[in-house]
Amino acid sequence: MARKSYEELVQLKQEGRIGWLEFVRQGDSAEDFAQWCKEHNVEQTEEYAELYVEQTEERLWQEQEGAV
């Protein structure tokens, strides 16, 4: 599956053409998400993809604030 840019994925998600699971699977985080699911002993589902994105964004936000 070809990777899409973050901007492309955001646009597709906003248009309702893909869900959270495809958002993660088609982006650069696909392997990280698979590992995250394995570590948490969960299946790759829409709900866990959304949780993964939320947690990842929160972690990145905190890292940025700490670097300022």
PDB file of N, CA and C in Angstrom:
ATOM      1  N   MET A   1       0.842  -1.173   0.000  1.00  0.00           N
ATOM      2  CA  MET A   1       0.000   0.000   0.000  1.00  0.00           C
ATOM      3  C   MET A   1       0.892   1.243   0.000  1.00  0.00           C
ATOM      4  N   ALA A   2       0.643   2.140  -0.918  1.00  0.00           N
ATOM      5  CA  ALA A   2       1.446   3.359  -1.025  1.00  0.00           C
ATOM      6  C   ALA A   2       1.155   4.291   0.149  1.00  0.00           C
ATOM      7  N   ARG A   3       2.215   4.885   0.666  1.00  0.00           N
ATOM      8  CA  ARG A   3       2.073   5.845   1.757  1.00  0.00           C
ATOM      9  C   ARG A   3       1.604   7.174   1.186  1.00  0.00           C
ATOM     10  N   LYS A   4       0.783   7.849   1.945  1.00  0.00           N
ATOM     11  CA  LYS A   4       0.319   9.172   1.565  1.00  0.00           C
ATOM     12  C   LYS A   4       0.918  10.183   2.541  1.00  0.00           C
ATOM     13  N   SER A   5       1.002  11.434   2.096  1.00  0.00           N
ATOM     14  CA  SER A   5       1.512  12.469   2.990  1.00  0.00           C
ATOM     15  C   SER A   5       0.479  12.742   4.078  1.00  0.00           C
ATOM     16  N   TYR A   6       0.955  13.308   5.165  1.00  0.00           N
ATOM     17  CA  TYR A   6       0.065  13.655   6.278  1.00  0.00           C
ATOM     18  C   TYR A   6      -1.036  14.589   5.795  1.00  0.00           C
ATOM     19  N   GLU A   7      -0.679  15.558   4.972  1.00  0.00           N
ATOM     20  CA  GLU A   7      -1.658  16.519   4.467  1.00  0.00           C
ATOM     21  C   GLU A   7      -2.731  15.833   3.627  1.00  0.00           C
ATOM     22  N   GLU A   8      -2.321  14.893   2.776  1.00  0.00           N
ATOM     23  CA  GLU A   8      -3.290  14.143   1.965  1.00  0.00           C
ATOM     24  C   GLU A   8      -4.250  13.364   2.864  1.00  0.00           C
ATOM     25  N   LEU A   9      -3.695  12.723   3.881  1.00  0.00           N
ATOM     26  CA  LEU A   9      -4.508  11.922   4.782  1.00  0.00           C
ATOM     27  C   LEU A   9      -5.481  12.782   5.571  1.00  0.00           C
ATOM     28  N   VAL A  10      -5.031  13.938   6.027  1.00  0.00           N
ATOM     29  CA  VAL A  10      -5.915  14.845   6.761  1.00  0.00           C
ATOM     30  C   VAL A  10      -7.077  15.259   5.869  1.00  0.00           C
ATOM     31  N   GLN A  11      -6.779  15.586   4.625  1.00  0.00           N
ATOM     32  CA  GLN A  11      -7.840  15.993   3.701  1.00  0.00           C
ATOM     33  C   GLN A  11      -8.837  14.857   3.468  1.00  0.00           C
ATOM     34  N   LEU A  12      -8.335  13.648   3.238  1.00  0.00           N
ATOM     35  CA  LEU A  12      -9.220  12.495   3.034  1.00  0.00           C
ATOM     36  C   LEU A  12     -10.075  12.240   4.266  1.00  0.00           C
ATOM     37  N   LYS A  13      -9.481  12.366   5.445  1.00  0.00           N
ATOM     38  CA  LYS A  13     -10.213  12.153   6.702  1.00  0.00           C
ATOM     39  C   LYS A  13     -11.285  13.215   6.863  1.00  0.00           C
ATOM     40  N   GLN A  14     -10.936  14.477   6.616  1.00  0.00           N
ATOM     41  CA  GLN A  14     -11.900  15.557   6.754  1.00  0.00           C
ATOM     42  C   GLN A  14     -13.056  15.417   5.767  1.00  0.00           C
ATOM     43  N   GLU A  15     -12.774  14.880   4.595  1.00  0.00           N
ATOM     44  CA  GLU A  15     -13.810  14.670   3.579  1.00  0.00           C
ATOM     45  C   GLU A  15     -14.656  13.431   3.870  1.00  0.00           C
ATOM     46  N   GLY A  16     -14.263  12.655   4.864  1.00  0.00           N
ATOM     47  CA  GLY A  16     -14.999  11.440   5.202  1.00  0.00           C
ATOM     48  C   GLY A  16     -14.724  10.284   4.266  1.00  0.00           C
ATOM     49  N   ARG A  17     -13.646  10.379   3.507  1.00  0.00           N
ATOM     50  CA  ARG A  17     -13.319   9.319   2.554  1.00  0.00           C
ATOM     51  C   ARG A  17     -12.557   8.173   3.194  1.00  0.00           C
ATOM     52  N   ILE A  18     -11.924   8.437   4.334  1.00  0.00           N
ATOM     53  CA  ILE A  18     -11.242   7.379   5.090  1.00  0.00           C
ATOM     54  C   ILE A  18     -11.551   7.563   6.569  1.00  0.00           C
ATOM     55  N   GLY A  19     -11.391   6.502   7.318  1.00  0.00           N
ATOM     56  CA  GLY A  19     -11.559   6.559   8.768  1.00  0.00           C
ATOM     57  C   GLY A  19     -10.191   6.600   9.433  1.00  0.00           C
ATOM     58  N   TRP A  20     -10.200   6.513  10.760  1.00  0.00           N
ATOM     59  CA  TRP A  20      -8.945   6.570  11.512  1.00  0.00           C
ATOM     60  C   TRP A  20      -8.018   5.414  11.176  1.00  0.00           C
ATOM     61  N   LEU A  21      -8.577   4.225  10.979  1.00  0.00           N
ATOM     62  CA  LEU A  21      -7.740   3.060  10.709  1.00  0.00           C
ATOM     63  C   LEU A  21      -6.967   3.238   9.397  1.00  0.00           C
ATOM     64  N   GLU A  22      -7.644   3.668   8.359  1.00  0.00           N
ATOM     65  CA  GLU A  22      -6.966   3.896   7.086  1.00  0.00           C
ATOM     66  C   GLU A  22      -6.023   5.095   7.181  1.00  0.00           C
ATOM     67  N   PHE A  23      -6.392   6.095   7.964  1.00  0.00           N
ATOM     68  CA  PHE A  23      -5.532   7.252   8.187  1.00  0.00           C
ATOM     69  C   PHE A  23      -4.169   6.791   8.706  1.00  0.00           C
ATOM     70  N   VAL A  24      -4.180   5.895   9.674  1.00  0.00           N
ATOM     71  CA  VAL A  24      -2.931   5.410  10.258  1.00  0.00           C
ATOM     72  C   VAL A  24      -2.232   4.439   9.307  1.00  0.00           C
ATOM     73  N   ARG A  25      -2.970   3.520   8.741  1.00  0.00           N
ATOM     74  CA  ARG A  25      -2.360   2.494   7.886  1.00  0.00           C
ATOM     75  C   ARG A  25      -1.726   3.054   6.625  1.00  0.00           C
ATOM     76  N   GLN A  26      -2.257   4.150   6.100  1.00  0.00           N
ATOM     77  CA  GLN A  26      -1.737   4.709   4.855  1.00  0.00           C
ATOM     78  C   GLN A  26      -0.649   5.758   5.088  1.00  0.00           C
ATOM     79  N   GLY A  27      -0.362   6.057   6.335  1.00  0.00           N
ATOM     80  CA  GLY A  27       0.637   7.073   6.652  1.00  0.00           C
ATOM     81  C   GLY A  27       1.947   6.484   7.116  1.00  0.00           C
ATOM     82  N   ASP A  28       2.819   7.368   7.545  1.00  0.00           N
ATOM     83  CA  ASP A  28       4.142   6.957   8.007  1.00  0.00           C
ATOM     84  C   ASP A  28       4.107   6.214   9.342  1.00  0.00           C
ATOM     85  N   SER A  29       2.975   6.255  10.036  1.00  0.00           N
ATOM     86  CA  SER A  29       2.871   5.637  11.361  1.00  0.00           C
ATOM     87  C   SER A  29       2.364   4.199  11.331  1.00  0.00           C
ATOM     88  N   ALA A  30       2.201   3.627  10.167  1.00  0.00           N
ATOM     89  CA  ALA A  30       1.607   2.293  10.053  1.00  0.00           C
ATOM     90  C   ALA A  30       2.358   1.253  10.888  1.00  0.00           C
ATOM     91  N   GLU A  31       3.682   1.236  10.783  1.00  0.00           N
ATOM     92  CA  GLU A  31       4.470   0.249  11.529  1.00  0.00           C
ATOM     93  C   GLU A  31       4.440   0.545  13.026  1.00  0.00           C
ATOM     94  N   ASP A  32       4.500   1.826  13.386  1.00  0.00           N
ATOM     95  CA  ASP A  32       4.430   2.203  14.804  1.00  0.00           C
ATOM     96  C   ASP A  32       3.080   1.803  15.397  1.00  0.00           C
ATOM     97  N   PHE A  33       2.023   2.002  14.635  1.00  0.00           N
ATOM     98  CA  PHE A  33       0.693   1.632  15.106  1.00  0.00           C
ATOM     99  C   PHE A  33       0.592   0.121  15.302  1.00  0.00           C
ATOM    100  N   ALA A  34       1.125  -0.632  14.366  1.00  0.00           N
ATOM    101  CA  ALA A  34       1.114  -2.095  14.490  1.00  0.00           C
ATOM    102  C   ALA A  34       1.852  -2.531  15.754  1.00  0.00           C
ATOM    103  N   GLN A  35       2.997  -1.907  16.018  1.00  0.00           N
ATOM    104  CA  GLN A  35       3.766  -2.219  17.223  1.00  0.00           C
ATOM    105  C   GLN A  35       2.998  -1.800  18.472  1.00  0.00           C
ATOM    106  N   TRP A  36       2.367  -0.638  18.440  1.00  0.00           N
ATOM    107  CA  TRP A  36       1.574  -0.139  19.563  1.00  0.00           C
ATOM    108  C   TRP A  36       0.457  -1.134  19.897  1.00  0.00           C
ATOM    109  N   CYS A  37      -0.216  -1.631  18.858  1.00  0.00           N
ATOM    110  CA  CYS A  37      -1.295  -2.610  19.065  1.00  0.00           C
ATOM    111  C   CYS A  37      -0.743  -3.888  19.689  1.00  0.00           C
ATOM    112  N   LYS A  38       0.401  -4.331  19.199  1.00  0.00           N
ATOM    113  CA  LYS A  38       1.024  -5.541  19.738  1.00  0.00           C
ATOM    114  C   LYS A  38       1.377  -5.353  21.212  1.00  0.00           C
ATOM    115  N   GLU A  39       1.968  -4.192  21.539  1.00  0.00           N
ATOM    116  CA  GLU A  39       2.353  -3.908  22.924  1.00  0.00           C
ATOM    117  C   GLU A  39       1.145  -3.824  23.858  1.00  0.00           C
ATOM    118  N   HIS A  40       0.027  -3.344  23.333  1.00  0.00           N
ATOM    119  CA  HIS A  40      -1.187  -3.209  24.145  1.00  0.00           C
ATOM    120  C   HIS A  40      -2.118  -4.420  24.018  1.00  0.00           C
ATOM    121  N   ASN A  41      -1.683  -5.405  23.234  1.00  0.00           N
ATOM    122  CA  ASN A  41      -2.444  -6.640  23.041  1.00  0.00           C
ATOM    123  C   ASN A  41      -3.868  -6.364  22.557  1.00  0.00           C
ATOM    124  N   VAL A  42      -3.960  -5.508  21.508  1.00  0.00           N
ATOM    125  CA  VAL A  42      -5.260  -5.168  20.929  1.00  0.00           C
ATOM    126  C   VAL A  42      -5.206  -5.353  19.415  1.00  0.00           C
ATOM    127  N   GLU A  43      -6.384  -5.471  18.822  1.00  0.00           N
ATOM    128  CA  GLU A  43      -6.501  -5.583  17.375  1.00  0.00           C
ATOM    129  C   GLU A  43      -6.418  -4.193  16.741  1.00  0.00           C
ATOM    130  N   GLN A  44      -6.072  -4.156  15.470  1.00  0.00           N
ATOM    131  CA  GLN A  44      -6.049  -2.895  14.741  1.00  0.00           C
ATOM    132  C   GLN A  44      -7.479  -2.562  14.318  1.00  0.00           C
ATOM    133  N   THR A  45      -8.139  -1.744  15.110  1.00  0.00           N
ATOM    134  CA  THR A  45      -9.523  -1.351  14.835  1.00  0.00           C
ATOM    135  C   THR A  45      -9.615   0.160  14.681  1.00  0.00           C
ATOM    136  N   GLU A  46     -10.750   0.607  14.212  1.00  0.00           N
ATOM    137  CA  GLU A  46     -11.026   2.032  14.060  1.00  0.00           C
ATOM    138  C   GLU A  46     -10.849   2.770  15.388  1.00  0.00           C
ATOM    139  N   GLU A  47     -11.381   2.193  16.451  1.00  0.00           N
ATOM    140  CA  GLU A  47     -11.337   2.836  17.764  1.00  0.00           C
ATOM    141  C   GLU A  47      -9.906   2.930  18.292  1.00  0.00           C
ATOM    142  N   TYR A  48      -9.133   1.870  18.140  1.00  0.00           N
ATOM    143  CA  TYR A  48      -7.751   1.905  18.621  1.00  0.00           C
ATOM    144  C   TYR A  48      -6.884   2.799  17.744  1.00  0.00           C
ATOM    145  N   ALA A  49      -7.195   2.897  16.466  1.00  0.00           N
ATOM    146  CA  ALA A  49      -6.462   3.815  15.600  1.00  0.00           C
ATOM    147  C   ALA A  49      -6.702   5.254  16.045  1.00  0.00           C
ATOM    148  N   GLU A  50      -7.943   5.581  16.383  1.00  0.00           N
ATOM    149  CA  GLU A  50      -8.251   6.929  16.867  1.00  0.00           C
ATOM    150  C   GLU A  50      -7.530   7.205  18.185  1.00  0.00           C
ATOM    151  N   LEU A  51      -7.541   6.249  19.097  1.00  0.00           N
ATOM    152  CA  LEU A  51      -6.842   6.405  20.374  1.00  0.00           C
ATOM    153  C   LEU A  51      -5.344   6.590  20.145  1.00  0.00           C
ATOM    154  N   TYR A  52      -4.770   5.804  19.255  1.00  0.00           N
ATOM    155  CA  TYR A  52      -3.350   5.909  18.937  1.00  0.00           C
ATOM    156  C   TYR A  52      -3.014   7.310  18.421  1.00  0.00           C
ATOM    157  N   VAL A  53      -3.833   7.829  17.505  1.00  0.00           N
ATOM    158  CA  VAL A  53      -3.593   9.169  16.955  1.00  0.00           C
ATOM    159  C   VAL A  53      -3.685  10.210  18.062  1.00  0.00           C
ATOM    160  N   GLU A  54      -4.696  10.101  18.911  1.00  0.00           N
ATOM    161  CA  GLU A  54      -4.854  11.057  20.012  1.00  0.00           C
ATOM    162  C   GLU A  54      -3.647  11.029  20.943  1.00  0.00           C
ATOM    163  N   GLN A  55      -3.206   9.849  21.321  1.00  0.00           N
ATOM    164  CA  GLN A  55      -2.070   9.724  22.229  1.00  0.00           C
ATOM    165  C   GLN A  55      -0.782  10.219  21.580  1.00  0.00           C
ATOM    166  N   THR A  56      -0.606   9.928  20.304  1.00  0.00           N
ATOM    167  CA  THR A  56       0.589  10.364  19.593  1.00  0.00           C
ATOM    168  C   THR A  56       0.629  11.881  19.486  1.00  0.00           C
ATOM    169  N   GLU A  57      -0.504  12.486  19.134  1.00  0.00           N
ATOM    170  CA  GLU A  57      -0.561  13.946  19.030  1.00  0.00           C
ATOM    171  C   GLU A  57      -0.319  14.604  20.386  1.00  0.00           C
ATOM    172  N   GLU A  58      -0.875  14.029  21.439  1.00  0.00           N
ATOM    173  CA  GLU A  58      -0.676  14.573  22.786  1.00  0.00           C
ATOM    174  C   GLU A  58       0.796  14.499  23.179  1.00  0.00           C
ATOM    175  N   ARG A  59       1.435  13.366  22.891  1.00  0.00           N
ATOM    176  CA  ARG A  59       2.850  13.203  23.215  1.00  0.00           C
ATOM    177  C   ARG A  59       3.707  14.205  22.440  1.00  0.00           C
ATOM    178  N   LEU A  60       3.419  14.388  21.165  1.00  0.00           N
ATOM    179  CA  LEU A  60       4.177  15.345  20.357  1.00  0.00           C
ATOM    180  C   LEU A  60       3.965  16.772  20.856  1.00  0.00           C
ATOM    181  N   TRP A  61       2.749  17.095  21.250  1.00  0.00           N
ATOM    182  CA  TRP A  61       2.434  18.419  21.782  1.00  0.00           C
ATOM    183  C   TRP A  61       3.235  18.666  23.057  1.00  0.00           C
ATOM    184  N   GLN A  62       3.277  17.686  23.940  1.00  0.00           N
ATOM    185  CA  GLN A  62       4.011  17.824  25.188  1.00  0.00           C
ATOM    186  C   GLN A  62       5.506  17.962  24.933  1.00  0.00           C
ATOM    187  N   GLU A  63       6.024  17.213  23.963  1.00  0.00           N
ATOM    188  CA  GLU A  63       7.442  17.307  23.633  1.00  0.00           C
ATOM    189  C   GLU A  63       7.781  18.691  23.081  1.00  0.00           C
ATOM    190  N   GLN A  64       6.899  19.254  22.263  1.00  0.00           N
ATOM    191  CA  GLN A  64       7.125  20.588  21.716  1.00  0.00           C
ATOM    192  C   GLN A  64       7.104  21.643  22.814  1.00  0.00           C
ATOM    193  N   GLU A  65       6.164  21.525  23.727  1.00  0.00           N
ATOM    194  CA  GLU A  65       6.080  22.492  24.811  1.00  0.00           C
ATOM    195  C   GLU A  65       7.304  22.406  25.715  1.00  0.00           C
ATOM    196  N   GLY A  66       7.835  21.216  25.900  1.00  0.00           N
ATOM    197  CA  GLY A  66       9.026  21.041  26.731  1.00  0.00           C
ATOM    198  C   GLY A  66      10.277  21.585  26.078  1.00  0.00           C
ATOM    199  N   ALA A  67      10.276  21.667  24.753  1.00  0.00           N
ATOM    200  CA  ALA A  67      11.448  22.151  24.024  1.00  0.00           C
ATOM    201  C   ALA A  67      11.492  23.673  23.937  1.00  0.00           C
ATOM    202  N   VAL A  68      10.391  24.318  24.309  1.00  0.00           N
ATOM    203  CA  VAL A  68      10.339  25.789  24.201  1.00  0.00           C
ATOM    204  C   VAL A  68      11.010  26.440  25.373  1.00  0.00           C
TER     205      VAL A  68
END
